[in-house]
Amino acid sequence: MAGSDRGSGTSTPRKRADARRNEATLLAAAAAAFLAAGVDAPVRDIAARAGVGVGTIYRHFPTRADLIVAVYRHQVQACAEAAPTLLATSGTPHAALTAWIDLFVDFLATKHGLAEALNSDSAAFETLHGYFLDHLVPACAHLLDAAAEAGEIRPDTNAEELLFAVGNLCAGRAPHYDARRMVGLLVAGLRLR
């Protein structure tokens, strides 16, 4: 049976390619709406951004919490999956790390739009921090290991600590504060001279 889980005895139906594309479009539109207006952005605005009807959103995501969780997971997954691609296509492992950290900073900007919801008491959001760590720490560690093996950065850089530091740098809200510049200085500081 297509889409069945081996060994579990359960069946997970596979989504058609067009349904997956529609879902990806909805998630991108929701992420943009959340960044612009917060997680309380009207569903009709998200639907308009995606070029679909409101009913399509509710077919994919019956509740706002479902949509928020899906956006967060989608962005974490995309950021994690970018690491090996960047490593394969960048001139150096350090260049791949720098490009990936830029993607991570973009993710954090959207995450700040989700922060209020993610910090709520909703049970739907309880597993998201673990999901974040389970996917992004290994992706970052892979890039750090490659850069250390190439002799480009210190070999003792911890992925979770680096992500935490980048997150803290991105939390600054002072006028004229440029988080991306500060993160760039941090990443440049990892280099061996």
N, C-alpha and C. Protein backbone atom coordinates (compact mmCIF):
# COMPACT_ATOMS: atom_id res chain seq x y z
N MET A 1 0.85 -1.19 0.00
CA MET A 1 0.00 0.00 0.00
C MET A 1 0.88 1.24 0.00
N ALA A 2 0.64 2.15 -0.90
CA ALA A 2 1.43 3.37 -0.98
C ALA A 2 1.26 4.20 0.26
N GLY A 3 2.38 4.69 0.78
CA GLY A 3 2.35 5.58 1.91
C GLY A 3 2.23 4.88 3.25
N SER A 4 2.34 3.56 3.29
CA SER A 4 2.21 2.90 4.59
C SER A 4 3.53 2.94 5.32
N ASP A 5 3.44 3.01 6.63
CA ASP A 5 4.62 3.00 7.48
C ASP A 5 5.05 1.56 7.66
N ARG A 6 6.27 1.24 7.31
CA ARG A 6 6.76 -0.12 7.49
C ARG A 6 6.94 -0.40 8.96
N GLY A 7 6.50 -1.56 9.32
CA GLY A 7 6.72 -2.01 10.69
C GLY A 7 5.71 -1.47 11.68
N SER A 8 5.01 -0.40 11.38
CA SER A 8 4.09 0.16 12.37
C SER A 8 2.68 -0.38 12.20
N GLY A 9 2.39 -0.95 11.00
CA GLY A 9 1.07 -1.47 10.75
C GLY A 9 0.03 -0.40 10.47
N THR A 10 0.46 0.86 10.41
CA THR A 10 -0.47 1.94 10.12
C THR A 10 -0.23 2.45 8.71
N SER A 11 -1.21 3.10 8.19
CA SER A 11 -1.12 3.65 6.85
C SER A 11 -1.22 5.16 6.92
N THR A 12 -0.28 5.84 6.25
CA THR A 12 -0.30 7.29 6.17
C THR A 12 -0.49 7.65 4.71
N PRO A 13 -1.64 8.21 4.36
CA PRO A 13 -1.86 8.54 2.95
C PRO A 13 -0.89 9.62 2.49
N ARG A 14 -0.41 9.45 1.26
CA ARG A 14 0.46 10.47 0.67
C ARG A 14 -0.38 11.54 0.02
N LYS A 15 0.07 12.76 0.15
CA LYS A 15 -0.64 13.87 -0.49
C LYS A 15 -0.24 13.92 -1.96
N ARG A 16 -1.18 14.30 -2.79
CA ARG A 16 -0.89 14.50 -4.20
C ARG A 16 0.09 15.66 -4.33
N ALA A 17 0.81 15.68 -5.44
CA ALA A 17 1.80 16.73 -5.67
C ALA A 17 1.16 18.12 -5.64
N ASP A 18 -0.03 18.26 -6.24
CA ASP A 18 -0.68 19.57 -6.25
C ASP A 18 -1.12 19.98 -4.85
N ALA A 19 -1.52 19.02 -4.03
CA ALA A 19 -1.91 19.32 -2.64
C ALA A 19 -0.69 19.78 -1.85
N ARG A 20 0.47 19.14 -2.10
CA ARG A 20 1.71 19.56 -1.41
C ARG A 20 2.11 20.97 -1.84
N ARG A 21 1.97 21.26 -3.13
CA ARG A 21 2.30 22.61 -3.62
C ARG A 21 1.36 23.64 -3.00
N ASN A 22 0.06 23.32 -2.97
CA ASN A 22 -0.90 24.23 -2.35
C ASN A 22 -0.56 24.48 -0.89
N GLU A 23 -0.21 23.42 -0.19
CA GLU A 23 0.13 23.57 1.23
C GLU A 23 1.38 24.44 1.39
N ALA A 24 2.40 24.23 0.55
CA ALA A 24 3.61 25.04 0.63
C ALA A 24 3.30 26.51 0.34
N THR A 25 2.42 26.76 -0.63
CA THR A 25 2.01 28.13 -0.94
C THR A 25 1.30 28.76 0.25
N LEU A 26 0.40 27.99 0.87
CA LEU A 26 -0.32 28.48 2.04
C LEU A 26 0.64 28.80 3.18
N LEU A 27 1.62 27.92 3.40
CA LEU A 27 2.57 28.14 4.49
C LEU A 27 3.42 29.38 4.25
N ALA A 28 3.85 29.58 3.00
CA ALA A 28 4.64 30.78 2.68
C ALA A 28 3.79 32.04 2.87
N ALA A 29 2.55 31.99 2.43
CA ALA A 29 1.66 33.15 2.59
C ALA A 29 1.39 33.42 4.06
N ALA A 30 1.16 32.38 4.84
CA ALA A 30 0.92 32.56 6.28
C ALA A 30 2.15 33.11 6.97
N ALA A 31 3.34 32.62 6.62
CA ALA A 31 4.57 33.13 7.22
C ALA A 31 4.73 34.61 6.94
N ALA A 32 4.47 35.02 5.69
CA ALA A 32 4.58 36.44 5.33
C ALA A 32 3.54 37.27 6.09
N ALA A 33 2.34 36.76 6.20
CA ALA A 33 1.28 37.48 6.94
C ALA A 33 1.63 37.57 8.42
N PHE A 34 2.15 36.51 8.99
CA PHE A 34 2.52 36.52 10.40
C PHE A 34 3.65 37.51 10.66
N LEU A 35 4.60 37.57 9.74
CA LEU A 35 5.71 38.51 9.88
C LEU A 35 5.20 39.95 9.80
N ALA A 36 4.26 40.20 8.89
CA ALA A 36 3.76 41.56 8.70
C ALA A 36 2.77 41.99 9.78
N ALA A 37 1.90 41.07 10.20
CA ALA A 37 0.81 41.48 11.08
C ALA A 37 0.65 40.64 12.34
N GLY A 38 1.56 39.70 12.57
CA GLY A 38 1.45 38.84 13.74
C GLY A 38 0.56 37.64 13.45
N VAL A 39 0.50 36.72 14.42
CA VAL A 39 -0.23 35.47 14.20
C VAL A 39 -1.74 35.66 14.19
N ASP A 40 -2.21 36.84 14.53
CA ASP A 40 -3.64 37.10 14.47
C ASP A 40 -4.06 37.69 13.11
N ALA A 41 -3.16 37.63 12.14
CA ALA A 41 -3.50 38.12 10.79
C ALA A 41 -4.77 37.41 10.33
N PRO A 42 -5.71 38.15 9.74
CA PRO A 42 -6.95 37.53 9.29
C PRO A 42 -6.70 36.42 8.26
N VAL A 43 -7.46 35.36 8.38
CA VAL A 43 -7.32 34.22 7.46
C VAL A 43 -7.61 34.68 6.03
N ARG A 44 -8.52 35.61 5.86
CA ARG A 44 -8.82 36.10 4.50
C ARG A 44 -7.59 36.77 3.88
N ASP A 45 -6.74 37.43 4.72
CA ASP A 45 -5.51 38.05 4.20
C ASP A 45 -4.51 36.98 3.76
N ILE A 46 -4.42 35.92 4.55
CA ILE A 46 -3.52 34.81 4.20
C ILE A 46 -4.00 34.16 2.91
N ALA A 47 -5.31 33.95 2.81
CA ALA A 47 -5.88 33.34 1.60
C ALA A 47 -5.61 34.22 0.38
N ALA A 48 -5.77 35.53 0.53
CA ALA A 48 -5.51 36.45 -0.58
C ALA A 48 -4.04 36.39 -1.01
N ARG A 49 -3.13 36.35 -0.05
CA ARG A 49 -1.70 36.25 -0.37
C ARG A 49 -1.40 34.96 -1.13
N ALA A 50 -2.10 33.89 -0.76
CA ALA A 50 -1.86 32.59 -1.38
C ALA A 50 -2.64 32.40 -2.68
N GLY A 51 -3.60 33.30 -2.93
CA GLY A 51 -4.40 33.19 -4.14
C GLY A 51 -5.42 32.05 -4.08
N VAL A 52 -5.91 31.77 -2.87
CA VAL A 52 -6.89 30.70 -2.68
C VAL A 52 -8.07 31.23 -1.87
N GLY A 53 -9.10 30.43 -1.77
CA GLY A 53 -10.24 30.78 -0.93
C GLY A 53 -9.96 30.43 0.52
N VAL A 54 -10.70 31.06 1.41
CA VAL A 54 -10.55 30.82 2.85
C VAL A 54 -10.80 29.35 3.18
N GLY A 55 -11.76 28.73 2.49
CA GLY A 55 -12.07 27.33 2.73
C GLY A 55 -10.87 26.41 2.49
N THR A 56 -10.03 26.77 1.53
CA THR A 56 -8.84 25.97 1.25
C THR A 56 -7.91 25.95 2.46
N ILE A 57 -7.76 27.09 3.11
CA ILE A 57 -6.91 27.15 4.29
C ILE A 57 -7.47 26.23 5.38
N TYR A 58 -8.78 26.32 5.61
CA TYR A 58 -9.39 25.50 6.66
C TYR A 58 -9.38 24.02 6.32
N ARG A 59 -9.37 23.67 5.04
CA ARG A 59 -9.25 22.25 4.67
C ARG A 59 -7.88 21.71 5.05
N HIS A 60 -6.85 22.53 4.87
CA HIS A 60 -5.49 22.10 5.21
C HIS A 60 -5.21 22.26 6.71
N PHE A 61 -5.71 23.34 7.29
CA PHE A 61 -5.39 23.68 8.69
C PHE A 61 -6.68 24.08 9.40
N PRO A 62 -7.35 23.12 10.05
CA PRO A 62 -8.66 23.40 10.66
C PRO A 62 -8.65 24.49 11.73
N THR A 63 -7.53 24.69 12.42
CA THR A 63 -7.46 25.73 13.46
C THR A 63 -6.27 26.63 13.20
N ARG A 64 -6.30 27.80 13.81
CA ARG A 64 -5.16 28.72 13.70
C ARG A 64 -3.91 28.08 14.29
N ALA A 65 -4.07 27.36 15.40
CA ALA A 65 -2.92 26.68 16.01
C ALA A 65 -2.30 25.68 15.04
N ASP A 66 -3.13 24.96 14.29
CA ASP A 66 -2.60 24.02 13.29
C ASP A 66 -1.77 24.76 12.25
N LEU A 67 -2.25 25.92 11.83
CA LEU A 67 -1.53 26.72 10.83
C LEU A 67 -0.21 27.24 11.39
N ILE A 68 -0.23 27.75 12.60
CA ILE A 68 0.98 28.28 13.22
C ILE A 68 2.03 27.18 13.38
N VAL A 69 1.61 26.03 13.87
CA VAL A 69 2.54 24.90 14.05
C VAL A 69 3.11 24.48 12.70
N ALA A 70 2.26 24.41 11.67
CA ALA A 70 2.72 24.00 10.35
C ALA A 70 3.72 24.99 9.77
N VAL A 71 3.46 26.29 9.94
CA VAL A 71 4.40 27.31 9.45
C VAL A 71 5.75 27.15 10.15
N TYR A 72 5.72 27.01 11.45
CA TYR A 72 6.96 26.88 12.22
C TYR A 72 7.74 25.64 11.78
N ARG A 73 7.07 24.50 11.71
CA ARG A 73 7.73 23.25 11.31
C ARG A 73 8.28 23.35 9.89
N HIS A 74 7.51 23.93 8.99
CA HIS A 74 7.94 24.07 7.60
C HIS A 74 9.22 24.91 7.51
N GLN A 75 9.25 25.99 8.27
CA GLN A 75 10.43 26.86 8.22
C GLN A 75 11.65 26.20 8.87
N VAL A 76 11.43 25.49 9.96
CA VAL A 76 12.54 24.76 10.58
C VAL A 76 13.09 23.73 9.60
N GLN A 77 12.20 22.98 8.97
CA GLN A 77 12.62 21.94 8.03
C GLN A 77 13.38 22.53 6.85
N ALA A 78 12.88 23.64 6.30
CA ALA A 78 13.54 24.28 5.16
C ALA A 78 14.94 24.76 5.54
N CYS A 79 15.06 25.33 6.73
CA CYS A 79 16.36 25.81 7.20
C CYS A 79 17.32 24.63 7.39
N ALA A 80 16.85 23.56 7.98
CA ALA A 80 17.69 22.39 8.21
C ALA A 80 18.13 21.77 6.88
N GLU A 81 17.20 21.66 5.94
CA GLU A 81 17.52 21.04 4.65
C GLU A 81 18.46 21.88 3.81
N ALA A 82 18.56 23.16 4.09
CA ALA A 82 19.45 24.03 3.32
C ALA A 82 20.92 23.77 3.63
N ALA A 83 21.23 23.27 4.81
CA ALA A 83 22.63 23.11 5.24
C ALA A 83 23.45 22.25 4.28
N PRO A 84 23.04 21.02 3.96
CA PRO A 84 23.88 20.22 3.05
C PRO A 84 23.95 20.80 1.64
N THR A 85 22.87 21.43 1.19
CA THR A 85 22.89 22.05 -0.13
C THR A 85 23.90 23.19 -0.17
N LEU A 86 23.88 24.03 0.85
CA LEU A 86 24.84 25.14 0.91
C LEU A 86 26.27 24.63 1.00
N LEU A 87 26.48 23.57 1.76
CA LEU A 87 27.83 23.01 1.89
C LEU A 87 28.33 22.49 0.53
N ALA A 88 27.42 21.90 -0.24
CA ALA A 88 27.80 21.35 -1.55
C ALA A 88 28.00 22.43 -2.61
N THR A 89 27.36 23.59 -2.45
CA THR A 89 27.39 24.60 -3.51
C THR A 89 28.21 25.85 -3.17
N SER A 90 28.64 25.99 -1.94
CA SER A 90 29.41 27.18 -1.56
C SER A 90 30.89 26.94 -1.79
N GLY A 91 31.63 28.02 -1.93
CA GLY A 91 33.06 27.92 -2.19
C GLY A 91 33.85 27.30 -1.05
N THR A 92 33.42 27.57 0.17
CA THR A 92 34.12 27.03 1.35
C THR A 92 33.07 26.64 2.40
N PRO A 93 33.45 25.78 3.33
CA PRO A 93 32.52 25.48 4.43
C PRO A 93 32.14 26.72 5.24
N HIS A 94 33.07 27.65 5.43
CA HIS A 94 32.75 28.86 6.17
C HIS A 94 31.72 29.70 5.40
N ALA A 95 31.85 29.77 4.08
CA ALA A 95 30.87 30.49 3.27
C ALA A 95 29.50 29.82 3.39
N ALA A 96 29.47 28.49 3.42
CA ALA A 96 28.20 27.76 3.61
C ALA A 96 27.61 28.07 4.98
N LEU A 97 28.46 28.08 6.01
CA LEU A 97 28.00 28.39 7.36
C LEU A 97 27.43 29.80 7.41
N THR A 98 28.12 30.75 6.81
CA THR A 98 27.66 32.14 6.80
C THR A 98 26.31 32.26 6.10
N ALA A 99 26.18 31.61 4.94
CA ALA A 99 24.91 31.66 4.21
C ALA A 99 23.80 31.00 5.02
N TRP A 100 24.10 29.90 5.70
CA TRP A 100 23.09 29.21 6.49
C TRP A 100 22.66 30.05 7.69
N ILE A 101 23.63 30.70 8.33
CA ILE A 101 23.28 31.57 9.46
C ILE A 101 22.37 32.70 8.98
N ASP A 102 22.59 33.21 7.76
CA ASP A 102 21.69 34.24 7.20
C ASP A 102 20.27 33.69 7.08
N LEU A 103 20.14 32.44 6.62
CA LEU A 103 18.81 31.81 6.54
C LEU A 103 18.21 31.65 7.93
N PHE A 104 19.04 31.30 8.89
CA PHE A 104 18.57 31.13 10.27
C PHE A 104 18.08 32.47 10.82
N VAL A 105 18.78 33.55 10.51
CA VAL A 105 18.35 34.88 10.95
C VAL A 105 16.99 35.22 10.31
N ASP A 106 16.81 34.88 9.03
CA ASP A 106 15.51 35.09 8.39
C ASP A 106 14.43 34.29 9.09
N PHE A 107 14.73 33.05 9.45
CA PHE A 107 13.79 32.22 10.18
C PHE A 107 13.44 32.87 11.52
N LEU A 108 14.44 33.38 12.22
CA LEU A 108 14.19 34.00 13.52
C LEU A 108 13.29 35.23 13.39
N ALA A 109 13.43 35.96 12.30
CA ALA A 109 12.56 37.14 12.09
C ALA A 109 11.10 36.70 12.02
N THR A 110 10.83 35.61 11.31
CA THR A 110 9.47 35.09 11.24
C THR A 110 9.06 34.51 12.58
N LYS A 111 9.99 33.84 13.25
CA LYS A 111 9.68 33.23 14.54
C LYS A 111 9.25 34.30 15.54
N HIS A 112 9.86 35.49 15.46
CA HIS A 112 9.44 36.55 16.37
C HIS A 112 7.98 36.90 16.14
N GLY A 113 7.53 36.80 14.90
CA GLY A 113 6.11 37.00 14.62
C GLY A 113 5.24 35.93 15.26
N LEU A 114 5.83 34.76 15.49
CA LEU A 114 5.10 33.65 16.09
C LEU A 114 5.32 33.57 17.60
N ALA A 115 6.21 34.38 18.13
CA ALA A 115 6.66 34.23 19.52
C ALA A 115 5.52 34.25 20.53
N GLU A 116 4.60 35.16 20.39
CA GLU A 116 3.51 35.25 21.37
C GLU A 116 2.70 33.96 21.40
N ALA A 117 2.39 33.46 20.23
CA ALA A 117 1.62 32.20 20.17
C ALA A 117 2.45 31.04 20.70
N LEU A 118 3.72 30.99 20.34
CA LEU A 118 4.56 29.88 20.77
C LEU A 118 4.77 29.86 22.27
N ASN A 119 4.68 31.02 22.90
CA ASN A 119 4.84 31.09 24.35
C ASN A 119 3.52 30.96 25.11
N SER A 120 2.44 30.71 24.38
CA SER A 120 1.14 30.56 25.03
C SER A 120 1.07 29.20 25.71
N ASP A 121 -0.02 28.96 26.40
CA ASP A 121 -0.20 27.70 27.11
C ASP A 121 -0.80 26.61 26.23
N SER A 122 -0.97 26.86 24.95
CA SER A 122 -1.60 25.89 24.07
C SER A 122 -0.76 24.63 23.96
N ALA A 123 -1.42 23.49 24.13
CA ALA A 123 -0.74 22.20 24.03
C ALA A 123 -0.19 21.97 22.62
N ALA A 124 -0.78 22.62 21.62
CA ALA A 124 -0.34 22.43 20.25
C ALA A 124 1.10 22.89 20.04
N PHE A 125 1.60 23.78 20.89
CA PHE A 125 2.93 24.36 20.70
C PHE A 125 4.02 23.72 21.57
N GLU A 126 3.64 22.78 22.43
CA GLU A 126 4.58 22.23 23.41
C GLU A 126 5.80 21.54 22.79
N THR A 127 5.65 20.89 21.68
CA THR A 127 6.74 20.10 21.11
C THR A 127 7.63 20.90 20.16
N LEU A 128 7.29 22.16 19.90
CA LEU A 128 8.01 22.90 18.86
C LEU A 128 9.45 23.22 19.22
N HIS A 129 9.73 23.50 20.48
CA HIS A 129 11.13 23.80 20.85
C HIS A 129 12.00 22.57 20.61
N GLY A 130 11.51 21.41 21.00
CA GLY A 130 12.25 20.17 20.75
C GLY A 130 12.44 19.92 19.26
N TYR A 131 11.41 20.22 18.46
CA TYR A 131 11.50 20.07 17.01
C TYR A 131 12.60 20.97 16.46
N PHE A 132 12.62 22.21 16.93
CA PHE A 132 13.64 23.19 16.56
C PHE A 132 15.04 22.62 16.84
N LEU A 133 15.26 22.18 18.08
CA LEU A 133 16.57 21.66 18.46
C LEU A 133 16.94 20.40 17.68
N ASP A 134 15.98 19.50 17.52
CA ASP A 134 16.25 18.23 16.84
C ASP A 134 16.64 18.41 15.38
N HIS A 135 16.20 19.48 14.75
CA HIS A 135 16.49 19.69 13.33
C HIS A 135 17.60 20.70 13.07
N LEU A 136 17.61 21.80 13.81
CA LEU A 136 18.56 22.87 13.50
C LEU A 136 19.93 22.69 14.14
N VAL A 137 19.99 22.11 15.32
CA VAL A 137 21.30 21.89 15.95
C VAL A 137 22.15 20.94 15.10
N PRO A 138 21.63 19.79 14.65
CA PRO A 138 22.46 18.93 13.79
C PRO A 138 22.87 19.59 12.47
N ALA A 139 21.97 20.38 11.88
CA ALA A 139 22.31 21.07 10.63
C ALA A 139 23.46 22.04 10.85
N CYS A 140 23.38 22.81 11.92
CA CYS A 140 24.45 23.76 12.25
C CYS A 140 25.74 23.02 12.59
N ALA A 141 25.62 21.94 13.36
CA ALA A 141 26.81 21.16 13.75
C ALA A 141 27.52 20.60 12.52
N HIS A 142 26.74 20.15 11.54
CA HIS A 142 27.33 19.62 10.29
C HIS A 142 28.18 20.69 9.61
N LEU A 143 27.66 21.91 9.53
CA LEU A 143 28.40 23.01 8.91
C LEU A 143 29.62 23.40 9.74
N LEU A 144 29.46 23.45 11.05
CA LEU A 144 30.59 23.78 11.93
C LEU A 144 31.69 22.74 11.81
N ASP A 145 31.32 21.47 11.79
CA ASP A 145 32.31 20.39 11.66
C ASP A 145 33.08 20.51 10.36
N ALA A 146 32.36 20.79 9.27
CA ALA A 146 33.02 20.92 7.97
C ALA A 146 33.98 22.10 7.96
N ALA A 147 33.56 23.22 8.54
CA ALA A 147 34.43 24.41 8.58
C ALA A 147 35.63 24.16 9.49
N ALA A 148 35.44 23.45 10.59
CA ALA A 148 36.56 23.14 11.49
C ALA A 148 37.54 22.18 10.81
N GLU A 149 37.00 21.16 10.12
CA GLU A 149 37.87 20.21 9.40
C GLU A 149 38.67 20.90 8.31
N ALA A 150 38.11 21.95 7.72
CA ALA A 150 38.81 22.70 6.67
C ALA A 150 39.80 23.69 7.27
N GLY A 151 39.86 23.77 8.60
CA GLY A 151 40.77 24.69 9.27
C GLY A 151 40.33 26.14 9.20
N GLU A 152 39.03 26.37 8.97
CA GLU A 152 38.54 27.73 8.82
C GLU A 152 38.04 28.34 10.13
N ILE A 153 37.58 27.51 11.05
CA ILE A 153 37.06 28.02 12.32
C ILE A 153 37.62 27.20 13.47
N ARG A 154 37.40 27.72 14.66
CA ARG A 154 37.81 27.01 15.87
C ARG A 154 37.08 25.67 15.94
N PRO A 155 37.77 24.61 16.33
CA PRO A 155 37.11 23.30 16.34
C PRO A 155 36.19 23.09 17.55
N ASP A 156 36.21 23.98 18.50
CA ASP A 156 35.42 23.78 19.73
C ASP A 156 34.12 24.57 19.75
N THR A 157 33.62 25.00 18.59
CA THR A 157 32.39 25.77 18.53
C THR A 157 31.20 24.82 18.66
N ASN A 158 30.33 25.10 19.61
CA ASN A 158 29.16 24.27 19.88
C ASN A 158 27.96 24.81 19.12
N ALA A 159 27.28 23.95 18.38
CA ALA A 159 26.16 24.37 17.53
C ALA A 159 25.02 24.97 18.34
N GLU A 160 24.64 24.33 19.42
CA GLU A 160 23.52 24.84 20.21
C GLU A 160 23.85 26.21 20.81
N GLU A 161 25.09 26.37 21.29
CA GLU A 161 25.50 27.67 21.83
C GLU A 161 25.50 28.74 20.76
N LEU A 162 25.96 28.39 19.55
CA LEU A 162 25.98 29.37 18.47
C LEU A 162 24.56 29.80 18.10
N LEU A 163 23.66 28.84 17.99
CA LEU A 163 22.27 29.19 17.67
C LEU A 163 21.65 30.05 18.76
N PHE A 164 21.96 29.75 20.00
CA PHE A 164 21.47 30.54 21.12
C PHE A 164 22.02 31.97 21.03
N ALA A 165 23.31 32.10 20.73
CA ALA A 165 23.93 33.43 20.62
C ALA A 165 23.32 34.23 19.47
N VAL A 166 23.12 33.57 18.34
CA VAL A 166 22.50 34.25 17.19
C VAL A 166 21.09 34.68 17.56
N GLY A 167 20.36 33.81 18.23
CA GLY A 167 19.00 34.15 18.67
C GLY A 167 18.99 35.36 19.58
N ASN A 168 19.92 35.42 20.50
CA ASN A 168 19.99 36.57 21.41
C ASN A 168 20.34 37.85 20.65
N LEU A 169 21.24 37.75 19.69
CA LEU A 169 21.58 38.93 18.90
C LEU A 169 20.40 39.42 18.07
N CYS A 170 19.56 38.50 17.64
CA CYS A 170 18.39 38.86 16.84
C CYS A 170 17.25 39.40 17.69
N ALA A 171 17.33 39.25 19.00
CA ALA A 171 16.26 39.71 19.88
C ALA A 171 16.33 41.21 20.15
N GLY A 172 17.44 41.85 19.81
CA GLY A 172 17.60 43.28 20.06
C GLY A 172 16.55 44.09 19.31
N ARG A 173 15.96 45.06 19.99
CA ARG A 173 14.90 45.87 19.39
C ARG A 173 15.19 47.37 19.44
N ALA A 174 16.39 47.75 19.80
CA ALA A 174 16.72 49.18 19.90
C ALA A 174 16.67 49.83 18.52
N PRO A 175 16.32 51.12 18.48
CA PRO A 175 16.33 51.82 17.18
C PRO A 175 17.73 51.76 16.56
N HIS A 176 17.77 51.57 15.27
CA HIS A 176 19.02 51.53 14.50
C HIS A 176 19.88 50.32 14.82
N TYR A 177 19.33 49.34 15.52
CA TYR A 177 20.07 48.11 15.81
C TYR A 177 20.00 47.21 14.59
N ASP A 178 21.15 46.75 14.13
CA ASP A 178 21.22 45.90 12.94
C ASP A 178 21.65 44.50 13.37
N ALA A 179 20.66 43.65 13.63
CA ALA A 179 20.94 42.29 14.11
C ALA A 179 21.79 41.52 13.10
N ARG A 180 21.49 41.66 11.83
CA ARG A 180 22.25 40.90 10.83
C ARG A 180 23.73 41.29 10.85
N ARG A 181 24.03 42.58 11.05
CA ARG A 181 25.43 43.02 11.14
C ARG A 181 26.10 42.41 12.36
N MET A 182 25.39 42.40 13.48
CA MET A 182 25.97 41.83 14.71
C MET A 182 26.20 40.33 14.57
N VAL A 183 25.27 39.65 13.93
CA VAL A 183 25.44 38.21 13.70
C VAL A 183 26.62 37.97 12.76
N GLY A 184 26.76 38.83 11.75
CA GLY A 184 27.90 38.72 10.84
C GLY A 184 29.22 38.85 11.57
N LEU A 185 29.27 39.77 12.53
CA LEU A 185 30.50 39.92 13.33
C LEU A 185 30.76 38.66 14.16
N LEU A 186 29.72 38.08 14.71
CA LEU A 186 29.87 36.85 15.48
C LEU A 186 30.43 35.72 14.62
N VAL A 187 29.84 35.53 13.45
CA VAL A 187 30.29 34.45 12.56
C VAL A 187 31.71 34.71 12.06
N ALA A 188 32.01 35.96 11.74
CA ALA A 188 33.38 36.29 11.32
C ALA A 188 34.36 36.01 12.45
N GLY A 189 33.93 36.21 13.69
CA GLY A 189 34.80 35.95 14.85
C GLY A 189 35.13 34.48 15.07
N LEU A 190 34.40 33.59 14.44
CA LEU A 190 34.71 32.15 14.55
C LEU A 190 35.93 31.77 13.73
N ARG A 191 36.26 32.59 12.76
CA ARG A 191 37.35 32.25 11.82
C ARG A 191 38.69 32.19 12.53
N LEU A 192 39.50 31.27 12.08
CA LEU A 192 40.89 31.21 12.51
C LEU A 192 41.67 32.16 11.62
N ARG A 193 42.59 32.88 12.19
CA ARG A 193 43.33 33.87 11.41
C ARG A 193 44.62 33.28 10.92
